[in-house]
């Protein structure tokens, strides 16, 4: 036993010699005199004692609420896209999917005078998870000649699949598999709470990935590896069907009027249903816009391997100043078209009122300090990034067509503002990141940018985490 421990310790020393051999710089530590200085700098005033007692017994946000900011808040909007019904992603990271389907739903209800419609999230989620599984396994095959500690190989095994995503997951999925009403394929426990299914699928895929690398190392050619991959995907399909149900290949659906009377009853495939009631070319007629002040504006960027399906499109976007994005967003809303929108939703959110405003909380006054980073610095230091996708449906413009506030349809169920979040224009500037608009609303300058050869960025860049 001791001999084994010695061998393990020796191996660890050989693997990480710089860590064990390095002599720490003693001057860089916290000394006793430093601690004494910290103590003396902390004034034990009645005010500090009162603040400590308050923080020790209460939630920080409740103490930092800027109550004066709640006064005279107007919740009306000058321009709003019509929609009806709030969805709920439950305990899952499917916000990107709910958002994409909700954008499409608003259009379908408007164009076909449908009083009620919800599209099945579980149907498209099934195919998303299968496509991501294939993307991972084929990625393992493609990188099988690289060493195990190569960064791309490590990234693949760190991210075999997730339930998060971004816009190309919508465009590739819906154009390939179509859509179905929620009555045709409803939610299951595993779609509403995805963590256990996701963990087990990830475990299965990592084990399969190791097997593929071993087969490649033994001399198996690519054709043999792909054949084995397809056998592995049969097991993934089976696990998904057990958790989510098997997706329908065709279904019968009755269209009803506002009084609930049946107007027509037809049999559809998921693809024919999409073509009949939507028909959008989601791949070619839309563009993702990004506001990332850490990178050059008016440039086209592409994220390597950042897609949901192996034969799908990498995430590609135009980086623009925030005011340029606002102009296109306003044009779309005025034309009654909702948009895929994503942001850092957790920052300065008043959940009770459903309001996002940088003045909601006064942390500076509570702690007697200043939090002064701008948007670019927050991105560079990993303090802020896009975390959640929602459907942008409204803007409130003043007499000069300048936006005062915005509204999104959320996927957290009914709550304040009937399940919508209202954001001030100042919050929009600081925490909005991505918007997908129809190309008919883009400016001539953006059209020119789209002609560029995109700058390729690595998939592990923290700015490009999937939205949940």
Protein backbone atom coordinates (compact mmCIF):
# COMPACT_ATOMS: atom_id res chain seq x y z
CA UNK A 1 0.00 0.00 0.00
CA UNK A 2 2.76 2.46 0.93
CA UNK A 3 4.69 1.48 -2.17
CA UNK A 4 1.63 2.23 -4.34
CA UNK A 5 1.18 5.59 -2.73
CA UNK A 6 4.85 6.38 -3.32
CA UNK A 7 4.52 5.48 -7.01
CA UNK A 8 1.39 7.63 -7.38
CA UNK A 9 3.11 10.53 -5.64
CA UNK A 10 6.18 10.20 -7.84
CA UNK A 11 4.03 10.10 -10.96
CA UNK A 12 2.19 13.21 -9.81
CA UNK A 13 5.51 14.96 -9.22
CA UNK A 14 6.68 14.08 -12.73
CA UNK A 15 3.40 15.26 -14.25
CA UNK A 16 3.39 18.59 -12.41
CA UNK A 17 7.04 19.39 -11.59
CA UNK A 18 6.61 23.18 -11.72
CA UNK A 19 3.77 23.09 -9.20
CA UNK A 20 5.64 21.04 -6.60
CA UNK A 21 9.10 22.43 -7.16
CA UNK A 22 8.21 26.11 -7.23
CA UNK A 23 9.14 28.15 -4.17
CA UNK A 24 6.31 30.55 -3.29
CA UNK A 25 7.08 34.26 -3.09
CA UNK A 26 6.59 34.97 0.60
CA UNK A 27 6.23 38.70 0.01
CA UNK A 28 3.05 38.10 -1.98
CA UNK A 29 1.11 36.59 0.92
CA UNK A 30 -1.02 38.24 3.61
CA UNK A 31 1.16 39.08 6.61
CA UNK A 32 0.10 39.66 10.19
CA UNK A 33 0.83 43.36 9.79
CA UNK A 34 -1.45 43.40 6.72
CA UNK A 35 -4.24 41.93 8.80
CA UNK A 36 -3.72 44.55 11.47
CA UNK A 37 -3.96 47.26 8.82
CA UNK A 38 -7.17 45.73 7.50
CA UNK A 39 -8.62 45.70 11.01
CA UNK A 40 -7.72 49.30 11.67
CA UNK A 41 -9.08 50.42 8.31
CA UNK A 42 -12.46 48.85 9.11
CA UNK A 43 -14.21 51.48 11.19
CA UNK A 44 -16.28 49.91 13.95
CA UNK A 45 -18.79 52.71 13.70
CA UNK A 46 -22.46 52.41 14.66
CA UNK A 47 -23.29 52.71 10.95
CA UNK A 48 -21.05 49.79 9.99
CA UNK A 49 -22.42 47.72 12.86
CA UNK A 50 -25.97 48.44 11.73
CA UNK A 51 -25.14 47.51 8.13
CA UNK A 52 -23.45 44.29 9.28
CA UNK A 53 -26.48 43.32 11.36
CA UNK A 54 -28.78 44.04 8.44
CA UNK A 55 -26.73 42.03 5.91
CA UNK A 56 -26.21 39.16 8.36
CA UNK A 57 -29.95 38.73 8.76
CA UNK A 58 -31.32 39.67 5.34
CA UNK A 59 -30.90 39.10 1.62
CA UNK A 60 -28.44 41.59 0.12
CA UNK A 61 -30.74 42.47 -2.77
CA UNK A 62 -33.61 43.31 -0.45
CA UNK A 63 -31.36 45.75 1.41
CA UNK A 64 -29.95 47.29 -1.77
CA UNK A 65 -33.35 47.93 -3.38
CA UNK A 66 -33.56 51.50 -4.66
CA UNK A 67 -37.11 52.21 -3.55
CA UNK A 68 -37.31 55.61 -5.20
CA UNK A 69 -36.71 53.89 -8.54
CA UNK A 70 -40.08 52.14 -8.23
CA UNK A 71 -42.03 55.37 -8.40
CA UNK A 72 -43.79 56.59 -11.53
CA UNK A 73 -42.85 53.54 -13.60
CA UNK A 74 -44.95 53.43 -16.77
CA UNK A 75 -45.62 49.94 -18.17
CA UNK A 76 -47.23 51.02 -21.45
CA UNK A 77 -45.55 50.63 -24.84
CA UNK A 78 -45.88 52.60 -28.04
CA UNK A 79 -45.20 49.58 -30.28
CA UNK A 80 -45.86 45.92 -29.47
CA UNK A 81 -45.99 42.65 -31.42
CA UNK A 82 -49.17 40.72 -30.66
CA UNK A 83 -48.95 37.28 -29.08
CA UNK A 84 -50.90 35.26 -26.55
CA UNK A 85 -49.93 32.63 -24.01
CA UNK A 86 -46.82 32.32 -21.84
CA UNK A 87 -44.61 29.22 -21.95
CA UNK A 88 -42.52 27.70 -19.17
CA UNK A 89 -39.18 25.99 -19.69
CA UNK A 90 -39.30 24.65 -16.12
CA UNK A 91 -36.00 23.29 -14.74
CA UNK A 92 -34.24 23.13 -18.08
CA UNK A 93 -31.79 25.13 -20.17
CA UNK A 94 -34.07 25.25 -23.20
CA UNK A 95 -34.63 29.04 -23.24
CA UNK A 96 -33.09 29.28 -26.74
CA UNK A 97 -35.62 26.71 -28.05
CA UNK A 98 -38.61 28.30 -26.32
CA UNK A 99 -37.53 31.68 -27.68
CA UNK A 100 -37.18 30.48 -31.25
CA UNK A 101 -40.53 28.69 -31.16
CA UNK A 102 -42.22 31.69 -29.51
CA UNK A 103 -40.96 34.03 -32.24
CA UNK A 104 -42.36 31.65 -34.84
CA UNK A 105 -45.60 31.18 -32.90
CA UNK A 106 -46.35 34.92 -32.86
CA UNK A 107 -45.91 35.05 -36.63
CA UNK A 108 -48.05 31.96 -37.25
CA UNK A 109 -50.88 33.27 -35.06
CA UNK A 110 -50.81 36.65 -36.83
CA UNK A 111 -50.57 35.32 -40.39
CA UNK A 112 -53.22 32.61 -40.01
CA UNK A 113 -55.53 34.28 -37.49
CA UNK A 114 -54.96 31.53 -34.92
CA UNK A 115 -56.44 32.50 -31.53
CA UNK A 116 -54.26 30.00 -29.67
CA UNK A 117 -51.09 28.06 -30.46
CA UNK A 118 -48.14 26.54 -28.66
CA UNK A 119 -45.49 24.54 -30.46
CA UNK A 120 -44.02 21.40 -28.95
CA UNK A 121 -40.66 22.13 -27.36
CA UNK A 122 -40.17 18.45 -26.54
CA UNK A 123 -40.38 17.46 -30.22
CA UNK A 124 -37.54 19.72 -31.34
CA UNK A 125 -35.58 19.08 -28.14
CA UNK A 126 -35.50 15.35 -28.96
CA UNK A 127 -33.86 16.04 -32.31
CA UNK A 128 -31.55 18.64 -30.79
CA UNK A 129 -30.15 16.13 -28.31
CA UNK A 130 -29.70 13.49 -31.00
CA UNK A 131 -27.98 15.97 -33.33
CA UNK A 132 -25.66 17.18 -30.55
CA UNK A 133 -24.77 13.58 -29.72
CA UNK A 134 -23.79 12.95 -33.32
CA UNK A 135 -21.87 16.24 -33.40
CA UNK A 136 -19.82 15.13 -30.41
CA UNK A 137 -19.14 11.60 -31.65
CA UNK A 138 -18.21 12.75 -35.15
CA UNK A 139 -16.01 15.41 -33.59
CA UNK A 140 -14.22 12.66 -31.66
CA UNK A 141 -13.67 10.78 -34.92
CA UNK A 142 -12.38 13.90 -36.66
CA UNK A 143 -9.88 14.59 -33.85
CA UNK A 144 -8.90 10.96 -33.22
CA UNK A 145 -5.35 11.56 -34.52
CA UNK A 146 -4.77 14.35 -31.98
CA UNK A 147 -3.33 13.61 -28.52
CA UNK A 148 -5.78 13.26 -25.63
CA UNK A 149 -4.52 16.47 -24.03
CA UNK A 150 -5.08 18.56 -27.16
CA UNK A 151 -7.27 21.53 -26.29
CA UNK A 152 -9.94 20.68 -28.86
CA UNK A 153 -10.17 17.07 -27.69
CA UNK A 154 -10.35 18.22 -24.07
CA UNK A 155 -13.06 20.74 -25.01
CA UNK A 156 -15.12 18.02 -26.73
CA UNK A 157 -15.02 15.73 -23.70
CA UNK A 158 -15.85 18.67 -21.45
CA UNK A 159 -18.90 19.51 -23.61
CA UNK A 160 -20.40 16.31 -25.04
CA UNK A 161 -23.87 17.88 -25.10
CA UNK A 162 -26.06 20.30 -23.16
CA UNK A 163 -29.64 21.50 -23.16
CA UNK A 164 -28.49 25.09 -23.75
CA UNK A 165 -28.09 26.56 -27.19
CA UNK A 166 -28.20 29.49 -29.57
CA UNK A 167 -29.90 30.57 -32.78
CA UNK A 168 -28.34 28.11 -35.24
CA UNK A 169 -29.89 25.39 -33.10
CA UNK A 170 -33.25 26.87 -34.08
CA UNK A 171 -32.56 27.42 -37.76
CA UNK A 172 -30.97 24.02 -38.44
CA UNK A 173 -33.42 22.06 -36.30
CA UNK A 174 -36.69 23.55 -37.54
CA UNK A 175 -35.67 23.60 -41.19
CA UNK A 176 -34.73 19.90 -41.00
CA UNK A 177 -37.35 18.45 -38.66
CA UNK A 178 -40.27 20.91 -38.84
CA UNK A 179 -42.53 21.62 -35.88
CA UNK A 180 -45.64 20.14 -34.26
CA UNK A 181 -48.29 21.60 -31.92
CA UNK A 182 -47.78 20.82 -28.26
CA UNK A 183 -50.93 18.66 -28.29
CA UNK A 184 -49.08 16.24 -30.58
CA UNK A 185 -46.01 15.79 -28.37
CA UNK A 186 -46.28 17.16 -24.87
CA UNK A 187 -43.76 17.64 -22.12
CA UNK A 188 -42.39 14.80 -19.98
CA UNK A 189 -40.68 14.92 -16.61
CA UNK A 190 -37.29 14.62 -18.33
CA UNK A 191 -38.00 17.51 -20.69
CA UNK A 192 -39.17 19.74 -17.85
CA UNK A 193 -36.26 18.75 -15.60
CA UNK A 194 -33.36 17.81 -17.84
CA UNK A 195 -30.41 17.45 -15.46
CA UNK A 196 -30.49 13.68 -14.85
CA UNK A 197 -31.14 12.77 -18.48
CA UNK A 198 -28.41 15.18 -19.59
CA UNK A 199 -25.94 13.73 -17.10
CA UNK A 200 -26.59 10.15 -18.19
CA UNK A 201 -26.43 11.02 -21.88
CA UNK A 202 -23.15 12.81 -21.25
CA UNK A 203 -21.79 9.78 -19.40
CA UNK A 204 -22.83 7.49 -22.26
CA UNK A 205 -21.27 9.78 -24.87
CA UNK A 206 -17.98 10.20 -23.04
CA UNK A 207 -17.65 6.43 -22.75
CA UNK A 208 -18.49 6.06 -26.44
CA UNK A 209 -15.96 8.76 -27.28
CA UNK A 210 -13.20 6.90 -25.46
CA UNK A 211 -14.09 3.74 -27.36
CA UNK A 212 -13.90 5.56 -30.70
CA UNK A 213 -10.46 6.92 -29.85
CA UNK A 214 -9.26 3.44 -28.86
CA UNK A 215 -10.58 1.98 -32.11
CA UNK A 216 -8.82 4.71 -34.07
CA UNK A 217 -5.57 4.08 -32.19
CA UNK A 218 -5.84 0.37 -33.03
CA UNK A 219 -5.89 1.17 -36.73
CA UNK A 220 -9.61 1.21 -37.54
CA UNK A 221 -10.31 3.38 -40.59
CA UNK A 222 -12.81 6.21 -40.72
CA UNK A 223 -15.53 4.09 -42.33
CA UNK A 224 -15.35 1.59 -39.49
CA UNK A 225 -15.45 4.37 -36.90
CA UNK A 226 -18.52 5.97 -38.52
CA UNK A 227 -20.26 2.57 -38.64
CA UNK A 228 -19.59 2.10 -34.92
CA UNK A 229 -20.80 5.65 -34.24
CA UNK A 230 -24.15 4.88 -35.87
CA UNK A 231 -24.58 1.88 -33.59
CA UNK A 232 -23.87 4.14 -30.63
CA UNK A 233 -26.48 6.61 -31.82
CA UNK A 234 -29.11 3.86 -31.79
CA UNK A 235 -28.59 3.64 -28.03
CA UNK A 236 -28.78 7.44 -27.70
CA UNK A 237 -32.04 7.44 -29.70
CA UNK A 238 -33.44 4.74 -27.40
CA UNK A 239 -32.51 6.70 -24.27
CA UNK A 240 -34.13 9.83 -25.68
CA UNK A 241 -37.30 7.97 -26.66
CA UNK A 242 -37.58 6.47 -23.16
CA UNK A 243 -37.21 9.93 -21.60
CA UNK A 244 -39.10 12.17 -24.02
CA UNK A 245 -41.26 9.85 -26.11
CA UNK A 246 -40.71 9.07 -29.78
CA UNK A 247 -41.32 12.00 -32.17
CA UNK A 248 -44.32 11.60 -34.52
CA UNK A 249 -43.80 11.23 -38.26
CA UNK A 250 -47.32 12.49 -39.03
CA UNK A 251 -50.34 13.71 -37.08
CA UNK A 252 -53.88 15.01 -37.44
CA UNK A 253 -54.58 18.53 -36.21
CA UNK A 254 -57.77 20.60 -36.10
CA UNK A 255 -57.60 24.33 -36.67
CA UNK A 256 -60.13 26.29 -34.58
CA UNK A 257 -61.53 29.83 -34.64
CA UNK A 258 -61.70 32.24 -31.70
CA UNK A 259 -64.93 30.60 -30.48
CA UNK A 260 -63.34 27.14 -30.43
CA UNK A 261 -65.18 25.90 -33.52
CA UNK A 262 -63.28 23.54 -35.83
CA UNK A 263 -62.40 25.26 -39.11
CA UNK A 264 -60.46 22.40 -40.71
CA UNK A 265 -58.93 19.04 -39.83
CA UNK A 266 -55.88 17.89 -41.76
CA UNK A 267 -53.10 15.33 -41.56
CA UNK A 268 -49.59 16.77 -41.54
CA UNK A 269 -45.98 15.74 -41.23
CA UNK A 270 -43.90 17.99 -38.98
CA UNK A 271 -42.22 19.37 -42.11
CA UNK A 272 -45.49 20.04 -43.96
CA UNK A 273 -46.96 21.71 -40.86
CA UNK A 274 -43.97 24.05 -40.75
CA UNK A 275 -44.24 24.80 -44.46
CA UNK A 276 -48.00 25.41 -44.28
CA UNK A 277 -48.08 27.72 -41.27
CA UNK A 278 -44.57 29.28 -41.25
CA UNK A 279 -42.31 28.53 -44.19
CA UNK A 280 -39.53 30.92 -43.11
CA UNK A 281 -36.06 30.31 -44.50
CA UNK A 282 -34.45 30.51 -41.08
CA UNK A 283 -30.97 29.83 -42.42
CA UNK A 284 -30.74 32.43 -45.17
CA UNK A 285 -33.24 35.19 -44.34
CA UNK A 286 -32.02 36.02 -40.82
CA UNK A 287 -28.81 37.35 -39.31
CA UNK A 288 -27.46 37.38 -35.77
CA UNK A 289 -26.28 40.74 -34.48
CA UNK A 290 -23.94 41.03 -31.50
CA UNK A 291 -22.90 43.89 -29.26
CA UNK A 292 -19.44 42.91 -27.99
CA UNK A 293 -17.36 46.04 -27.28
CA UNK A 294 -14.23 43.91 -26.72
CA UNK A 295 -14.05 43.13 -30.45
CA UNK A 296 -13.94 45.28 -33.56
CA UNK A 297 -17.30 46.53 -34.79
CA UNK A 298 -18.60 46.11 -38.35
CA UNK A 299 -16.91 42.76 -38.68
CA UNK A 300 -18.26 39.27 -39.35
CA UNK A 301 -17.27 36.53 -36.89
CA UNK A 302 -17.74 32.76 -36.87
CA UNK A 303 -17.39 30.43 -33.87
CA UNK A 304 -15.62 27.20 -34.75
CA UNK A 305 -17.63 24.04 -34.04
CA UNK A 306 -20.36 26.09 -32.37
CA UNK A 307 -23.42 24.50 -33.89
CA UNK A 308 -26.06 21.99 -32.86
CA UNK A 309 -25.69 19.54 -35.74
CA UNK A 310 -22.62 18.25 -37.55
CA UNK A 311 -24.08 19.19 -40.95
CA UNK A 312 -25.44 22.48 -39.60
CA UNK A 313 -24.09 26.03 -39.64
CA UNK A 314 -21.55 27.46 -37.23
CA UNK A 315 -22.74 30.41 -35.21
CA UNK A 316 -21.93 33.48 -37.33
CA UNK A 317 -22.68 37.08 -36.34
CA UNK A 318 -22.11 40.73 -37.15
CA UNK A 319 -20.60 42.75 -34.30
CA UNK A 320 -22.18 46.20 -34.06
CA UNK A 321 -22.53 49.23 -31.79
CA UNK A 322 -25.64 49.02 -29.64
CA UNK A 323 -27.39 51.96 -31.34
CA UNK A 324 -27.17 50.24 -34.73
CA UNK A 325 -28.83 47.14 -33.28
CA UNK A 326 -31.59 49.23 -31.72
CA UNK A 327 -32.53 50.77 -35.08
CA UNK A 328 -33.07 47.34 -36.65
CA UNK A 329 -34.94 46.06 -33.60
CA UNK A 330 -37.31 49.04 -33.75
CA UNK A 331 -37.93 48.50 -37.47
CA UNK A 332 -38.83 44.85 -36.84
CA UNK A 333 -41.20 45.62 -33.95
CA UNK A 334 -42.94 48.35 -35.93
CA UNK A 335 -43.51 45.77 -38.67
CA UNK A 336 -45.08 43.35 -36.14
CA UNK A 337 -42.19 40.87 -36.12
CA UNK A 338 -40.81 39.56 -32.82
CA UNK A 339 -37.14 38.66 -32.51
CA UNK A 340 -34.78 36.18 -30.86
CA UNK A 341 -33.02 38.19 -28.15
CA UNK A 342 -30.47 37.28 -25.48
CA UNK A 343 -28.91 39.08 -22.55
CA UNK A 344 -27.37 38.75 -19.09
CA UNK A 345 -30.76 38.42 -17.42
CA UNK A 346 -29.56 37.98 -13.85
CA UNK A 347 -28.10 41.46 -13.54
CA UNK A 348 -30.22 44.06 -11.69
CA UNK A 349 -33.44 42.09 -12.10
CA UNK A 350 -36.41 42.92 -9.90
CA UNK A 351 -38.24 39.60 -10.14
CA UNK A 352 -41.25 40.79 -8.18
CA UNK A 353 -42.00 43.56 -10.67
CA UNK A 354 -40.46 41.87 -13.70
CA UNK A 355 -38.22 44.88 -14.36
CA UNK A 356 -34.58 45.03 -15.50
CA UNK A 357 -32.99 48.37 -14.62
CA UNK A 358 -29.43 49.28 -13.62
CA UNK A 359 -30.94 51.54 -10.93
CA UNK A 360 -32.97 48.76 -9.29
CA UNK A 361 -30.28 48.12 -6.67
CA UNK A 362 -27.80 50.50 -5.04
CA UNK A 363 -24.95 48.21 -4.04
CA UNK A 364 -22.50 51.14 -3.97
CA UNK A 365 -24.28 52.87 -1.11
CA UNK A 366 -24.88 49.67 0.83
CA UNK A 367 -21.21 48.65 0.83
CA UNK A 368 -19.63 52.09 0.57
CA UNK A 369 -17.68 51.14 -2.55
CA UNK A 370 -17.87 51.71 -6.29
CA UNK A 371 -18.56 49.05 -8.90
CA UNK A 372 -17.37 50.91 -11.98
CA UNK A 373 -16.54 48.47 -14.78
CA UNK A 374 -18.02 49.20 -18.19
CA UNK A 375 -19.52 46.55 -20.48
CA UNK A 376 -16.22 45.74 -22.18
CA UNK A 377 -14.41 45.26 -18.86
CA UNK A 378 -17.20 43.07 -17.52
CA UNK A 379 -16.87 40.84 -20.58
CA UNK A 380 -13.05 40.69 -20.37
CA UNK A 381 -13.16 39.72 -16.69
CA UNK A 382 -15.93 37.13 -17.10
CA UNK A 383 -18.28 39.27 -15.00
CA UNK A 384 -20.97 39.38 -17.69
CA UNK A 385 -22.03 37.37 -20.72
CA UNK A 386 -25.23 36.32 -22.40
CA UNK A 387 -27.05 33.87 -20.16
CA UNK A 388 -30.68 33.73 -21.30
CA UNK A 389 -32.70 34.00 -24.51
CA UNK A 390 -36.17 35.59 -24.70
CA UNK A 391 -38.50 37.01 -27.34
CA UNK A 392 -38.24 40.76 -27.97
CA UNK A 393 -41.81 41.98 -28.55
CA UNK A 394 -42.13 45.67 -27.65
CA UNK A 395 -40.46 49.05 -27.52
CA UNK A 396 -41.64 52.34 -26.05
CA UNK A 397 -40.50 55.32 -28.15
CA UNK A 398 -40.60 58.99 -27.27
CA UNK A 399 -41.64 61.79 -29.66
CA UNK A 400 -38.22 61.65 -31.33
CA UNK A 401 -38.38 57.87 -31.91
CA UNK A 402 -35.80 57.32 -29.17
CA UNK A 403 -36.37 54.15 -27.11
CA UNK A 404 -37.22 54.57 -23.44
CA UNK A 405 -37.78 50.92 -22.56
CA UNK A 406 -38.22 47.47 -24.10
CA UNK A 407 -40.19 44.32 -23.31
CA UNK A 408 -39.52 40.62 -23.84
CA UNK A 409 -41.79 37.60 -23.63
CA UNK A 410 -40.09 35.24 -21.19
CA UNK A 411 -40.35 31.45 -20.75
CA UNK A 412 -40.55 31.27 -16.95
CA UNK A 413 -44.32 30.85 -16.77
CA UNK A 414 -46.83 33.45 -15.65
CA UNK A 415 -45.58 36.16 -13.31
CA UNK A 416 -45.23 39.92 -13.22
CA UNK A 417 -46.36 41.65 -16.42
CA UNK A 418 -48.15 38.44 -17.48
CA UNK A 419 -44.85 36.59 -17.87
CA UNK A 420 -42.99 39.44 -19.59
CA UNK A 421 -39.88 41.33 -18.49
CA UNK A 422 -39.57 45.09 -18.98
CA UNK A 423 -36.07 46.55 -19.41
CA UNK A 424 -35.04 50.17 -19.40
CA UNK A 425 -33.02 51.45 -22.34
CA UNK A 426 -30.02 51.98 -20.04
CA UNK A 427 -30.16 48.31 -19.01
CA UNK A 428 -30.49 47.31 -22.68
CA UNK A 429 -27.23 49.18 -23.41
CA UNK A 430 -25.31 47.38 -20.66
CA UNK A 431 -26.62 43.80 -20.69
CA UNK A 432 -28.11 43.10 -24.12
CA UNK A 433 -25.80 40.94 -26.27
CA UNK A 434 -27.53 39.20 -29.20
CA UNK A 435 -30.42 39.81 -31.54
CA UNK A 436 -31.60 37.88 -34.60
CA UNK A 437 -33.43 39.95 -37.22
CA UNK A 438 -34.86 39.34 -40.64
CA UNK A 439 -32.47 40.63 -43.29
CA UNK A 440 -35.14 42.95 -44.65
CA UNK A 441 -34.56 45.18 -41.61
CA UNK A 442 -30.77 45.36 -41.77
CA UNK A 443 -28.95 48.50 -42.89
CA UNK A 444 -26.85 48.81 -46.07
CA UNK A 445 -23.73 48.86 -43.89
CA UNK A 446 -24.61 45.50 -42.35
CA UNK A 447 -25.27 44.08 -45.83
CA UNK A 448 -21.71 45.00 -46.75
CA UNK A 449 -20.34 43.36 -43.60
CA UNK A 450 -22.10 40.11 -44.53
CA UNK A 451 -19.92 39.95 -47.66
CA UNK A 452 -16.76 39.61 -45.53
CA UNK A 453 -14.94 36.36 -44.92
CA UNK A 454 -15.69 35.75 -41.24
CA UNK A 455 -12.97 35.86 -38.61
CA UNK A 456 -12.86 32.40 -36.99
CA UNK A 457 -12.96 32.32 -33.17
CA UNK A 458 -12.39 29.26 -30.92
CA UNK A 459 -15.37 27.42 -29.41
CA UNK A 460 -14.05 27.79 -25.85
CA UNK A 461 -14.20 31.58 -25.87
CA UNK A 462 -16.29 32.41 -22.73
CA UNK A 463 -18.30 35.02 -24.64
CA UNK A 464 -19.95 32.23 -26.59
CA UNK A 465 -21.42 30.09 -23.84
CA UNK A 466 -24.81 28.63 -24.70
CA UNK A 467 -27.92 30.36 -23.43
CA UNK A 468 -30.00 28.53 -20.87
